[in-house]
Amino acid sequence: MQERRRLTRRTLIYYLRVFDLDTGEDLGHLVDLTTEGILVMSTRPLDVGRAFRLGMELPLSGSAPGKERIEFAAESLRSARDVNHDFVDTAFRVTALDLGHRSRIETLIDHYGFRD
């Protein structure tokens, strides 16, 4: 299959939970991301071809306690078994992301992403 991704996804050294904002359901955890897409690892298959409103909670920077929430719209593109067959990987294309959250994701990638 031809690779259509324009940005290199970065695997984070940080463990982030991804949840459905509409249902509050915990979908799994983030495997890698760009400002245009994410890969989520879950214990069950997620619907493909569906629009989601997703969220991730990040610890606040500095010494302030608490969490910061990043919210965005995404469409699930494909789902397949992970190399560990207990999990399923689902790829999402980000369809709406406000400028502030885009900047926060870029900072997250810069600070916590593995480099090739």
N, C-alpha and C. Protein backbone atom coordinates (compact mmCIF):
# COMPACT_ATOMS: atom_id res chain seq x y z
N MET A 1 0.84 -1.17 0.00
CA MET A 1 0.00 0.00 0.00
C MET A 1 0.89 1.24 0.00
N GLN A 2 0.55 2.21 -0.80
CA GLN A 2 1.35 3.43 -0.92
C GLN A 2 1.20 4.28 0.33
N GLU A 3 2.30 4.80 0.81
CA GLU A 3 2.32 5.67 1.98
C GLU A 3 1.84 7.05 1.59
N ARG A 4 0.77 7.56 2.25
CA ARG A 4 0.22 8.86 1.91
C ARG A 4 0.46 9.90 3.00
N ARG A 5 1.12 9.52 4.05
CA ARG A 5 1.36 10.43 5.16
C ARG A 5 2.39 11.47 4.76
N ARG A 6 2.08 12.76 5.00
CA ARG A 6 3.00 13.84 4.65
C ARG A 6 3.99 14.14 5.77
N LEU A 7 3.58 13.94 7.01
CA LEU A 7 4.45 14.21 8.15
C LEU A 7 4.89 12.90 8.77
N THR A 8 6.11 12.86 9.26
CA THR A 8 6.60 11.68 9.96
C THR A 8 5.95 11.63 11.33
N ARG A 9 5.31 10.52 11.63
CA ARG A 9 4.73 10.38 12.96
C ARG A 9 5.84 10.13 13.96
N ARG A 10 5.66 10.66 15.15
CA ARG A 10 6.63 10.49 16.21
C ARG A 10 6.04 9.64 17.32
N THR A 11 6.79 8.64 17.73
CA THR A 11 6.41 7.84 18.88
C THR A 11 6.85 8.60 20.11
N LEU A 12 5.95 8.72 21.08
CA LEU A 12 6.27 9.46 22.28
C LEU A 12 6.85 8.55 23.35
N ILE A 13 7.66 9.13 24.20
CA ILE A 13 8.17 8.41 25.36
C ILE A 13 7.25 8.71 26.54
N TYR A 14 6.07 9.15 26.24
CA TYR A 14 5.10 9.60 27.21
C TYR A 14 3.83 8.78 27.01
N TYR A 15 3.18 8.35 28.07
CA TYR A 15 2.00 7.50 28.00
C TYR A 15 0.75 8.38 28.09
N LEU A 16 0.00 8.52 27.00
CA LEU A 16 -1.19 9.36 26.99
C LEU A 16 -2.44 8.53 26.69
N ARG A 17 -3.47 8.73 27.48
CA ARG A 17 -4.75 8.08 27.24
C ARG A 17 -5.55 8.89 26.23
N VAL A 18 -6.27 8.21 25.36
CA VAL A 18 -7.13 8.85 24.37
C VAL A 18 -8.56 8.44 24.70
N PHE A 19 -9.47 9.42 24.73
CA PHE A 19 -10.84 9.12 25.08
C PHE A 19 -11.81 9.80 24.12
N ASP A 20 -13.01 9.24 24.05
CA ASP A 20 -14.10 9.75 23.23
C ASP A 20 -14.81 10.84 24.03
N LEU A 21 -14.79 12.07 23.55
CA LEU A 21 -15.39 13.18 24.28
C LEU A 21 -16.92 13.06 24.36
N ASP A 22 -17.53 12.41 23.37
CA ASP A 22 -18.99 12.30 23.37
C ASP A 22 -19.49 11.28 24.38
N THR A 23 -18.76 10.19 24.56
CA THR A 23 -19.22 9.12 25.46
C THR A 23 -18.44 9.08 26.77
N GLY A 24 -17.27 9.71 26.79
CA GLY A 24 -16.40 9.63 27.96
C GLY A 24 -15.60 8.34 28.02
N GLU A 25 -15.77 7.48 27.02
CA GLU A 25 -15.12 6.17 26.99
C GLU A 25 -13.61 6.31 26.74
N ASP A 26 -12.85 5.56 27.49
CA ASP A 26 -11.41 5.46 27.30
C ASP A 26 -11.18 4.53 26.11
N LEU A 27 -10.59 5.06 25.03
CA LEU A 27 -10.41 4.26 23.82
C LEU A 27 -9.11 3.49 23.80
N GLY A 28 -8.10 3.97 24.48
CA GLY A 28 -6.80 3.31 24.48
C GLY A 28 -5.71 4.31 24.74
N HIS A 29 -4.50 3.99 24.30
CA HIS A 29 -3.43 4.96 24.51
C HIS A 29 -2.73 5.28 23.19
N LEU A 30 -2.17 6.47 23.19
CA LEU A 30 -1.51 7.01 22.02
C LEU A 30 -0.22 6.26 21.74
N VAL A 31 -0.04 5.85 20.49
CA VAL A 31 1.19 5.19 20.07
C VAL A 31 2.11 6.20 19.40
N ASP A 32 1.55 6.95 18.44
CA ASP A 32 2.33 8.00 17.79
C ASP A 32 1.39 9.07 17.26
N LEU A 33 1.97 10.22 16.88
CA LEU A 33 1.13 11.31 16.43
C LEU A 33 1.87 12.33 15.60
N THR A 34 1.08 13.08 14.85
CA THR A 34 1.48 14.32 14.20
C THR A 34 0.29 15.26 14.42
N THR A 35 0.40 16.46 13.89
CA THR A 35 -0.75 17.36 13.98
C THR A 35 -1.83 16.96 12.99
N GLU A 36 -1.54 15.99 12.13
CA GLU A 36 -2.52 15.54 11.12
C GLU A 36 -3.09 14.16 11.38
N GLY A 37 -2.50 13.41 12.30
CA GLY A 37 -3.01 12.07 12.55
C GLY A 37 -2.43 11.45 13.80
N ILE A 38 -3.12 10.42 14.30
CA ILE A 38 -2.65 9.69 15.47
C ILE A 38 -2.88 8.20 15.27
N LEU A 39 -2.16 7.42 16.04
CA LEU A 39 -2.36 5.97 16.09
C LEU A 39 -2.66 5.63 17.54
N VAL A 40 -3.77 4.92 17.74
CA VAL A 40 -4.23 4.56 19.08
C VAL A 40 -4.19 3.04 19.22
N MET A 41 -3.63 2.56 20.33
CA MET A 41 -3.62 1.13 20.64
C MET A 41 -4.72 0.89 21.68
N SER A 42 -5.59 -0.08 21.38
CA SER A 42 -6.68 -0.39 22.29
C SER A 42 -6.81 -1.90 22.45
N THR A 43 -7.68 -2.29 23.37
CA THR A 43 -7.88 -3.72 23.62
C THR A 43 -8.99 -4.29 22.75
N ARG A 44 -9.69 -3.43 22.03
CA ARG A 44 -10.78 -3.89 21.15
C ARG A 44 -10.77 -3.08 19.86
N PRO A 45 -11.33 -3.63 18.79
CA PRO A 45 -11.41 -2.87 17.54
C PRO A 45 -12.30 -1.64 17.70
N LEU A 46 -11.90 -0.54 17.06
CA LEU A 46 -12.71 0.67 17.03
C LEU A 46 -13.35 0.78 15.65
N ASP A 47 -14.52 1.41 15.59
CA ASP A 47 -15.22 1.58 14.31
C ASP A 47 -14.34 2.32 13.32
N VAL A 48 -14.31 1.83 12.08
CA VAL A 48 -13.55 2.46 11.00
C VAL A 48 -14.51 3.30 10.15
N GLY A 49 -14.03 4.44 9.68
CA GLY A 49 -14.85 5.31 8.86
C GLY A 49 -15.80 6.17 9.67
N ARG A 50 -15.55 6.28 10.94
CA ARG A 50 -16.42 7.03 11.85
C ARG A 50 -15.75 8.32 12.28
N ALA A 51 -16.54 9.36 12.43
CA ALA A 51 -16.04 10.63 12.96
C ALA A 51 -16.09 10.56 14.49
N PHE A 52 -15.01 10.99 15.12
CA PHE A 52 -14.91 11.01 16.58
C PHE A 52 -14.55 12.43 17.04
N ARG A 53 -14.94 12.75 18.25
CA ARG A 53 -14.40 13.91 18.97
C ARG A 53 -13.52 13.30 20.06
N LEU A 54 -12.21 13.48 19.91
CA LEU A 54 -11.25 12.83 20.80
C LEU A 54 -10.62 13.83 21.76
N GLY A 55 -10.13 13.29 22.86
CA GLY A 55 -9.41 14.10 23.83
C GLY A 55 -8.24 13.33 24.40
N MET A 56 -7.24 14.10 24.83
CA MET A 56 -6.08 13.55 25.54
C MET A 56 -5.79 14.50 26.69
N GLU A 57 -5.42 13.95 27.83
CA GLU A 57 -5.04 14.78 28.96
C GLU A 57 -3.54 14.74 29.15
N LEU A 58 -2.95 15.93 29.24
CA LEU A 58 -1.52 16.07 29.43
C LEU A 58 -1.25 16.68 30.79
N PRO A 59 -0.19 16.28 31.45
CA PRO A 59 0.17 16.97 32.70
C PRO A 59 0.53 18.42 32.37
N LEU A 60 0.19 19.33 33.26
CA LEU A 60 0.56 20.73 33.07
C LEU A 60 2.07 20.88 33.14
N SER A 61 2.59 21.81 32.38
CA SER A 61 4.02 22.09 32.38
C SER A 61 4.41 22.77 33.68
N GLY A 62 5.63 22.60 34.08
CA GLY A 62 6.14 23.28 35.27
C GLY A 62 5.70 22.60 36.55
N SER A 63 5.58 23.38 37.60
CA SER A 63 5.29 22.81 38.91
C SER A 63 3.81 22.82 39.26
N ALA A 64 2.95 23.36 38.39
CA ALA A 64 1.52 23.42 38.68
C ALA A 64 0.91 22.03 38.59
N PRO A 65 0.15 21.62 39.62
CA PRO A 65 -0.52 20.32 39.55
C PRO A 65 -1.71 20.39 38.60
N GLY A 66 -2.13 19.25 38.10
CA GLY A 66 -3.32 19.20 37.25
C GLY A 66 -3.01 18.71 35.86
N LYS A 67 -4.03 18.76 35.04
CA LYS A 67 -3.90 18.26 33.67
C LYS A 67 -4.47 19.27 32.69
N GLU A 68 -3.93 19.23 31.49
CA GLU A 68 -4.41 20.05 30.38
C GLU A 68 -5.06 19.10 29.38
N ARG A 69 -6.19 19.48 28.85
CA ARG A 69 -6.90 18.64 27.89
C ARG A 69 -6.72 19.20 26.48
N ILE A 70 -6.35 18.30 25.57
CA ILE A 70 -6.32 18.62 24.14
C ILE A 70 -7.51 17.92 23.52
N GLU A 71 -8.31 18.67 22.74
CA GLU A 71 -9.48 18.12 22.09
C GLU A 71 -9.39 18.36 20.59
N PHE A 72 -9.88 17.40 19.82
CA PHE A 72 -9.85 17.54 18.36
C PHE A 72 -10.83 16.56 17.73
N ALA A 73 -11.19 16.85 16.50
CA ALA A 73 -12.04 15.95 15.73
C ALA A 73 -11.15 15.07 14.86
N ALA A 74 -11.55 13.82 14.69
CA ALA A 74 -10.75 12.89 13.89
C ALA A 74 -11.67 11.84 13.26
N GLU A 75 -11.18 11.28 12.16
CA GLU A 75 -11.89 10.19 11.50
C GLU A 75 -11.02 8.95 11.55
N SER A 76 -11.62 7.83 11.96
CA SER A 76 -10.88 6.57 11.99
C SER A 76 -10.75 6.04 10.57
N LEU A 77 -9.52 5.71 10.18
CA LEU A 77 -9.24 5.30 8.81
C LEU A 77 -9.09 3.80 8.64
N ARG A 78 -8.38 3.17 9.56
CA ARG A 78 -8.15 1.73 9.46
C ARG A 78 -7.80 1.18 10.84
N SER A 79 -8.03 -0.10 10.98
CA SER A 79 -7.79 -0.77 12.25
C SER A 79 -7.19 -2.14 11.94
N ALA A 80 -6.18 -2.53 12.70
CA ALA A 80 -5.52 -3.82 12.49
C ALA A 80 -4.93 -4.32 13.80
N ARG A 81 -4.74 -5.59 13.89
CA ARG A 81 -4.11 -6.18 15.08
C ARG A 81 -2.70 -5.64 15.23
N ASP A 82 -2.31 -5.38 16.44
CA ASP A 82 -0.96 -4.95 16.77
C ASP A 82 -0.04 -6.17 16.67
N VAL A 83 1.27 -5.94 16.72
CA VAL A 83 2.21 -7.07 16.74
C VAL A 83 1.96 -7.93 17.98
N ASN A 84 1.51 -7.31 19.06
CA ASN A 84 1.03 -8.04 20.23
C ASN A 84 -0.47 -8.24 19.99
N HIS A 85 -0.88 -9.44 19.67
CA HIS A 85 -2.25 -9.71 19.23
C HIS A 85 -3.31 -9.48 20.29
N ASP A 86 -2.92 -9.08 21.50
CA ASP A 86 -3.88 -8.70 22.52
C ASP A 86 -4.43 -7.30 22.28
N PHE A 87 -3.82 -6.56 21.35
CA PHE A 87 -4.19 -5.17 21.11
C PHE A 87 -4.53 -4.93 19.64
N VAL A 88 -5.24 -3.82 19.42
CA VAL A 88 -5.64 -3.39 18.08
C VAL A 88 -5.15 -1.96 17.88
N ASP A 89 -4.54 -1.68 16.74
CA ASP A 89 -4.08 -0.33 16.41
C ASP A 89 -5.08 0.31 15.44
N THR A 90 -5.51 1.53 15.76
CA THR A 90 -6.43 2.26 14.89
C THR A 90 -5.80 3.58 14.51
N ALA A 91 -5.76 3.84 13.20
CA ALA A 91 -5.22 5.10 12.67
C ALA A 91 -6.35 6.10 12.51
N PHE A 92 -6.08 7.34 12.92
CA PHE A 92 -7.05 8.43 12.80
C PHE A 92 -6.42 9.58 12.03
N ARG A 93 -7.24 10.22 11.20
CA ARG A 93 -6.85 11.46 10.53
C ARG A 93 -7.50 12.59 11.30
N VAL A 94 -6.71 13.57 11.73
CA VAL A 94 -7.24 14.73 12.44
C VAL A 94 -7.98 15.59 11.43
N THR A 95 -9.25 15.91 11.72
CA THR A 95 -10.07 16.70 10.81
C THR A 95 -10.30 18.12 11.32
N ALA A 96 -10.12 18.36 12.61
CA ALA A 96 -10.26 19.71 13.17
C ALA A 96 -9.43 19.80 14.44
N LEU A 97 -8.58 20.82 14.49
CA LEU A 97 -7.69 21.02 15.62
C LEU A 97 -7.43 22.51 15.74
N ASP A 98 -7.79 23.10 16.88
CA ASP A 98 -7.59 24.55 16.98
C ASP A 98 -6.10 24.88 17.10
N LEU A 99 -5.77 26.11 16.80
CA LEU A 99 -4.38 26.55 16.71
C LEU A 99 -3.61 26.34 18.01
N GLY A 100 -4.24 26.62 19.14
CA GLY A 100 -3.58 26.43 20.43
C GLY A 100 -3.24 24.98 20.71
N HIS A 101 -4.17 24.09 20.38
CA HIS A 101 -3.92 22.66 20.60
C HIS A 101 -2.88 22.14 19.60
N ARG A 102 -2.89 22.68 18.37
CA ARG A 102 -1.86 22.30 17.38
C ARG A 102 -0.47 22.65 17.92
N SER A 103 -0.35 23.84 18.46
CA SER A 103 0.93 24.29 19.03
C SER A 103 1.35 23.39 20.19
N ARG A 104 0.40 23.00 21.03
CA ARG A 104 0.72 22.14 22.18
C ARG A 104 1.19 20.77 21.72
N ILE A 105 0.57 20.23 20.66
CA ILE A 105 1.00 18.93 20.12
C ILE A 105 2.41 19.04 19.54
N GLU A 106 2.69 20.11 18.82
CA GLU A 106 4.04 20.31 18.28
C GLU A 106 5.07 20.37 19.40
N THR A 107 4.74 21.06 20.48
CA THR A 107 5.65 21.13 21.64
C THR A 107 5.82 19.76 22.26
N LEU A 108 4.74 19.02 22.39
CA LEU A 108 4.78 17.67 22.95
C LEU A 108 5.70 16.78 22.12
N ILE A 109 5.58 16.84 20.80
CA ILE A 109 6.43 16.04 19.92
C ILE A 109 7.90 16.44 20.09
N ASP A 110 8.16 17.74 20.12
CA ASP A 110 9.54 18.23 20.28
C ASP A 110 10.16 17.77 21.59
N HIS A 111 9.39 17.80 22.68
CA HIS A 111 9.96 17.48 23.99
C HIS A 111 9.97 16.00 24.33
N TYR A 112 8.96 15.24 23.84
CA TYR A 112 8.81 13.86 24.27
C TYR A 112 8.86 12.83 23.15
N GLY A 113 9.14 13.26 21.93
CA GLY A 113 9.14 12.32 20.81
C GLY A 113 10.49 11.70 20.56
N PHE A 114 10.48 10.43 20.20
CA PHE A 114 11.72 9.79 19.75
C PHE A 114 12.12 10.37 18.41
N ARG A 115 13.37 10.51 18.16
CA ARG A 115 13.87 10.98 16.87
C ARG A 115 14.39 9.79 16.08
N ASP A 116 14.20 9.85 14.76
CA ASP A 116 14.69 8.78 13.89
C ASP A 116 16.21 8.78 13.83
